[in-house]
């Protein structure tokens, strides 16, 4: 069930779909100003309590994820961050590893938990934000990335992963 979790990003259907997503999204990813302070701003007028509730949904989702997959996801991100280029863009291979890890993590939780996060964050983002962000990149590249993301989500949904129960650490 954890094919590709710690090794080859292409070891399963989610990994293969992650490679397709990364190939389609990479031109867009290179256009995003990752080092901008824009991403430190509240994307709307919601207060801290509302954001804390959304973060609570994220924590709930994360707590339900497979622990080995969480470690693999953290490792993929850590690997990409090490030696990151000045523009904040990782390599396409690193992006594939990250996308595969995220796909497997999402596949390891019930859809309802994913949708709780999506809906709670979506309700806090000003509806003008997506159009503004689109204006900062090439629209065709962003749309190609979005279409690939939608295809990726279909593969993730079609390949659920049963999380391994977390066992208590032994003292001996």
Protein backbone atom coordinates (compact mmCIF):
# COMPACT_ATOMS: atom_id res chain seq x y z
CA UNK A 1 0.00 0.00 0.00
CA UNK A 2 2.97 2.31 0.50
CA UNK A 3 4.57 1.77 -2.89
CA UNK A 4 6.92 4.57 -3.66
CA UNK A 5 6.57 6.11 -0.21
CA UNK A 6 10.27 6.39 0.45
CA UNK A 7 11.79 5.61 -2.91
CA UNK A 8 10.84 5.93 -6.54
CA UNK A 9 8.18 8.59 -7.03
CA UNK A 10 6.88 6.57 -10.03
CA UNK A 11 6.27 3.30 -8.14
CA UNK A 12 2.47 3.45 -8.37
CA UNK A 13 -0.43 5.14 -10.18
CA UNK A 14 -0.20 8.21 -7.93
CA UNK A 15 3.52 8.52 -8.61
CA UNK A 16 2.95 8.22 -12.36
CA UNK A 17 0.20 10.87 -12.19
CA UNK A 18 2.50 13.09 -10.11
CA UNK A 19 5.09 12.96 -12.91
CA UNK A 20 2.46 14.05 -15.45
CA UNK A 21 1.30 16.84 -13.13
CA UNK A 22 4.84 18.06 -12.55
CA UNK A 23 5.68 18.06 -16.26
CA UNK A 24 2.55 20.09 -17.06
CA UNK A 25 2.88 22.41 -14.05
CA UNK A 26 6.62 23.08 -14.13
CA UNK A 27 6.46 26.02 -16.59
CA UNK A 28 3.89 27.65 -14.29
CA UNK A 29 5.88 26.84 -11.16
CA UNK A 30 8.91 28.65 -12.61
CA UNK A 31 6.80 31.82 -13.13
CA UNK A 32 5.49 32.09 -9.57
CA UNK A 33 7.42 34.66 -7.48
CA UNK A 34 8.02 32.24 -4.59
CA UNK A 35 10.18 34.70 -2.65
CA UNK A 36 7.51 37.41 -2.63
CA UNK A 37 6.16 38.66 0.68
CA UNK A 38 2.72 38.42 -0.93
CA UNK A 39 2.36 34.91 0.50
CA UNK A 40 2.70 36.29 4.04
CA UNK A 41 -0.48 38.34 3.67
CA UNK A 42 -3.98 37.36 4.74
CA UNK A 43 -5.77 36.59 1.43
CA UNK A 44 -8.97 38.21 2.64
CA UNK A 45 -10.42 39.88 5.68
CA UNK A 46 -10.91 36.84 7.92
CA UNK A 47 -9.79 37.08 11.51
CA UNK A 48 -7.32 34.90 13.38
CA UNK A 49 -10.10 32.82 14.97
CA UNK A 50 -11.42 31.84 11.54
CA UNK A 51 -7.94 30.91 10.38
CA UNK A 52 -7.33 28.93 13.58
CA UNK A 53 -10.47 26.92 12.87
CA UNK A 54 -9.19 26.18 9.35
CA UNK A 55 -5.81 25.18 10.76
CA UNK A 56 -7.69 22.87 13.12
CA UNK A 57 -9.17 21.12 10.07
CA UNK A 58 -5.65 20.79 8.63
CA UNK A 59 -4.37 19.29 11.87
CA UNK A 60 -7.29 16.86 11.94
CA UNK A 61 -6.52 15.80 8.38
CA UNK A 62 -2.81 15.43 9.13
CA UNK A 63 -3.51 13.36 12.24
CA UNK A 64 -5.51 10.91 10.12
CA UNK A 65 -2.72 10.46 7.54
CA UNK A 66 -0.43 7.48 7.38
CA UNK A 67 2.63 8.20 9.55
CA UNK A 68 5.13 6.63 7.13
CA UNK A 69 3.68 8.66 4.28
CA UNK A 70 3.94 11.83 6.40
CA UNK A 71 7.63 11.11 6.95
CA UNK A 72 8.12 10.48 3.22
CA UNK A 73 6.36 13.76 2.44
CA UNK A 74 8.49 15.68 4.92
CA UNK A 75 11.61 14.04 3.47
CA UNK A 76 10.61 15.02 -0.09
CA UNK A 77 10.08 18.64 0.98
CA UNK A 78 13.30 18.69 3.00
CA UNK A 79 15.27 17.30 0.08
CA UNK A 80 13.84 19.95 -2.26
CA UNK A 81 14.55 22.79 0.17
CA UNK A 82 18.19 21.81 0.56
CA UNK A 83 20.17 23.66 -2.08
CA UNK A 84 17.09 25.45 -3.39
CA UNK A 85 17.83 27.93 -6.15
CA UNK A 86 17.66 31.64 -5.37
CA UNK A 87 14.31 31.93 -7.16
CA UNK A 88 12.75 29.39 -4.79
CA UNK A 89 12.01 26.82 -7.51
CA UNK A 90 12.99 23.20 -6.99
CA UNK A 91 13.82 20.82 -9.83
CA UNK A 92 11.06 19.08 -11.77
CA UNK A 93 12.18 15.75 -10.27
CA UNK A 94 11.89 17.19 -6.76
CA UNK A 95 8.48 18.62 -7.61
CA UNK A 96 7.43 15.16 -8.78
CA UNK A 97 8.56 13.62 -5.49
CA UNK A 98 6.64 16.29 -3.54
CA UNK A 99 3.50 15.89 -5.64
CA UNK A 100 3.64 12.10 -5.33
CA UNK A 101 4.04 12.39 -1.55
CA UNK A 102 1.14 14.85 -1.25
CA UNK A 103 -1.03 12.66 -3.47
CA UNK A 104 -0.35 9.61 -1.32
CA UNK A 105 -1.01 11.59 1.86
CA UNK A 106 -4.36 12.82 0.56
CA UNK A 107 -5.18 9.28 -0.62
CA UNK A 108 -4.62 8.04 2.94
CA UNK A 109 -7.44 10.08 4.47
CA UNK A 110 -11.19 10.06 3.92
CA UNK A 111 -12.33 12.48 1.22
CA UNK A 112 -14.46 14.27 3.83
CA UNK A 113 -11.32 15.40 5.70
CA UNK A 114 -9.76 16.75 2.50
CA UNK A 115 -12.94 18.59 1.61
CA UNK A 116 -13.21 20.01 5.15
CA UNK A 117 -9.78 21.64 4.66
CA UNK A 118 -10.58 22.79 1.13
CA UNK A 119 -13.92 24.30 2.14
CA UNK A 120 -12.69 25.92 5.35
CA UNK A 121 -9.73 27.62 3.64
CA UNK A 122 -11.74 28.48 0.53
CA UNK A 123 -14.29 30.32 2.65
CA UNK A 124 -11.52 32.58 4.01
CA UNK A 125 -9.91 33.58 0.71
CA UNK A 126 -11.23 36.72 -0.97
CA UNK A 127 -12.77 35.79 -4.35
CA UNK A 128 -10.51 38.39 -6.04
CA UNK A 129 -7.33 36.54 -5.02
CA UNK A 130 -7.31 33.86 -7.76
CA UNK A 131 -7.75 36.44 -10.53
CA UNK A 132 -4.98 38.58 -9.07
CA UNK A 133 -2.62 35.62 -8.80
CA UNK A 134 -3.46 34.60 -12.37
CA UNK A 135 -2.43 38.09 -13.52
CA UNK A 136 1.10 37.52 -12.15
CA UNK A 137 1.84 34.52 -14.41
CA UNK A 138 1.19 33.33 -17.96
CA UNK A 139 -2.47 32.37 -18.02
CA UNK A 140 -1.97 29.46 -20.43
CA UNK A 141 0.68 27.92 -18.15
CA UNK A 142 -1.53 28.32 -15.08
CA UNK A 143 -4.50 26.75 -16.87
CA UNK A 144 -2.35 23.83 -18.07
CA UNK A 145 -1.16 23.29 -14.49
CA UNK A 146 -4.75 23.43 -13.21
CA UNK A 147 -5.97 20.91 -15.80
CA UNK A 148 -3.14 18.57 -14.85
CA UNK A 149 -3.98 19.04 -11.17
CA UNK A 150 -7.60 18.04 -11.81
CA UNK A 151 -6.41 14.87 -13.59
CA UNK A 152 -4.05 14.16 -10.69
CA UNK A 153 -6.88 14.48 -8.16
CA UNK A 154 -8.89 11.91 -10.11
CA UNK A 155 -6.02 9.41 -9.87
CA UNK A 156 -5.55 10.12 -6.16
CA UNK A 157 -9.26 9.62 -5.51
CA UNK A 158 -9.25 6.35 -7.51
CA UNK A 159 -6.31 4.96 -5.51
CA UNK A 160 -7.11 5.22 -1.80
CA UNK A 161 -4.46 4.14 0.67
CA UNK A 162 -5.40 2.59 4.00
CA UNK A 163 -3.26 4.29 6.64
CA UNK A 164 -1.16 2.06 8.83
CA UNK A 165 -2.22 2.41 12.46
CA UNK A 166 0.31 4.22 14.61
CA UNK A 167 1.65 1.91 17.27
CA UNK A 168 3.00 3.03 20.61
CA UNK A 169 6.79 3.09 20.77
CA UNK A 170 8.21 0.23 22.79
CA UNK A 171 10.30 1.04 25.80
CA UNK A 172 12.61 -1.91 25.35
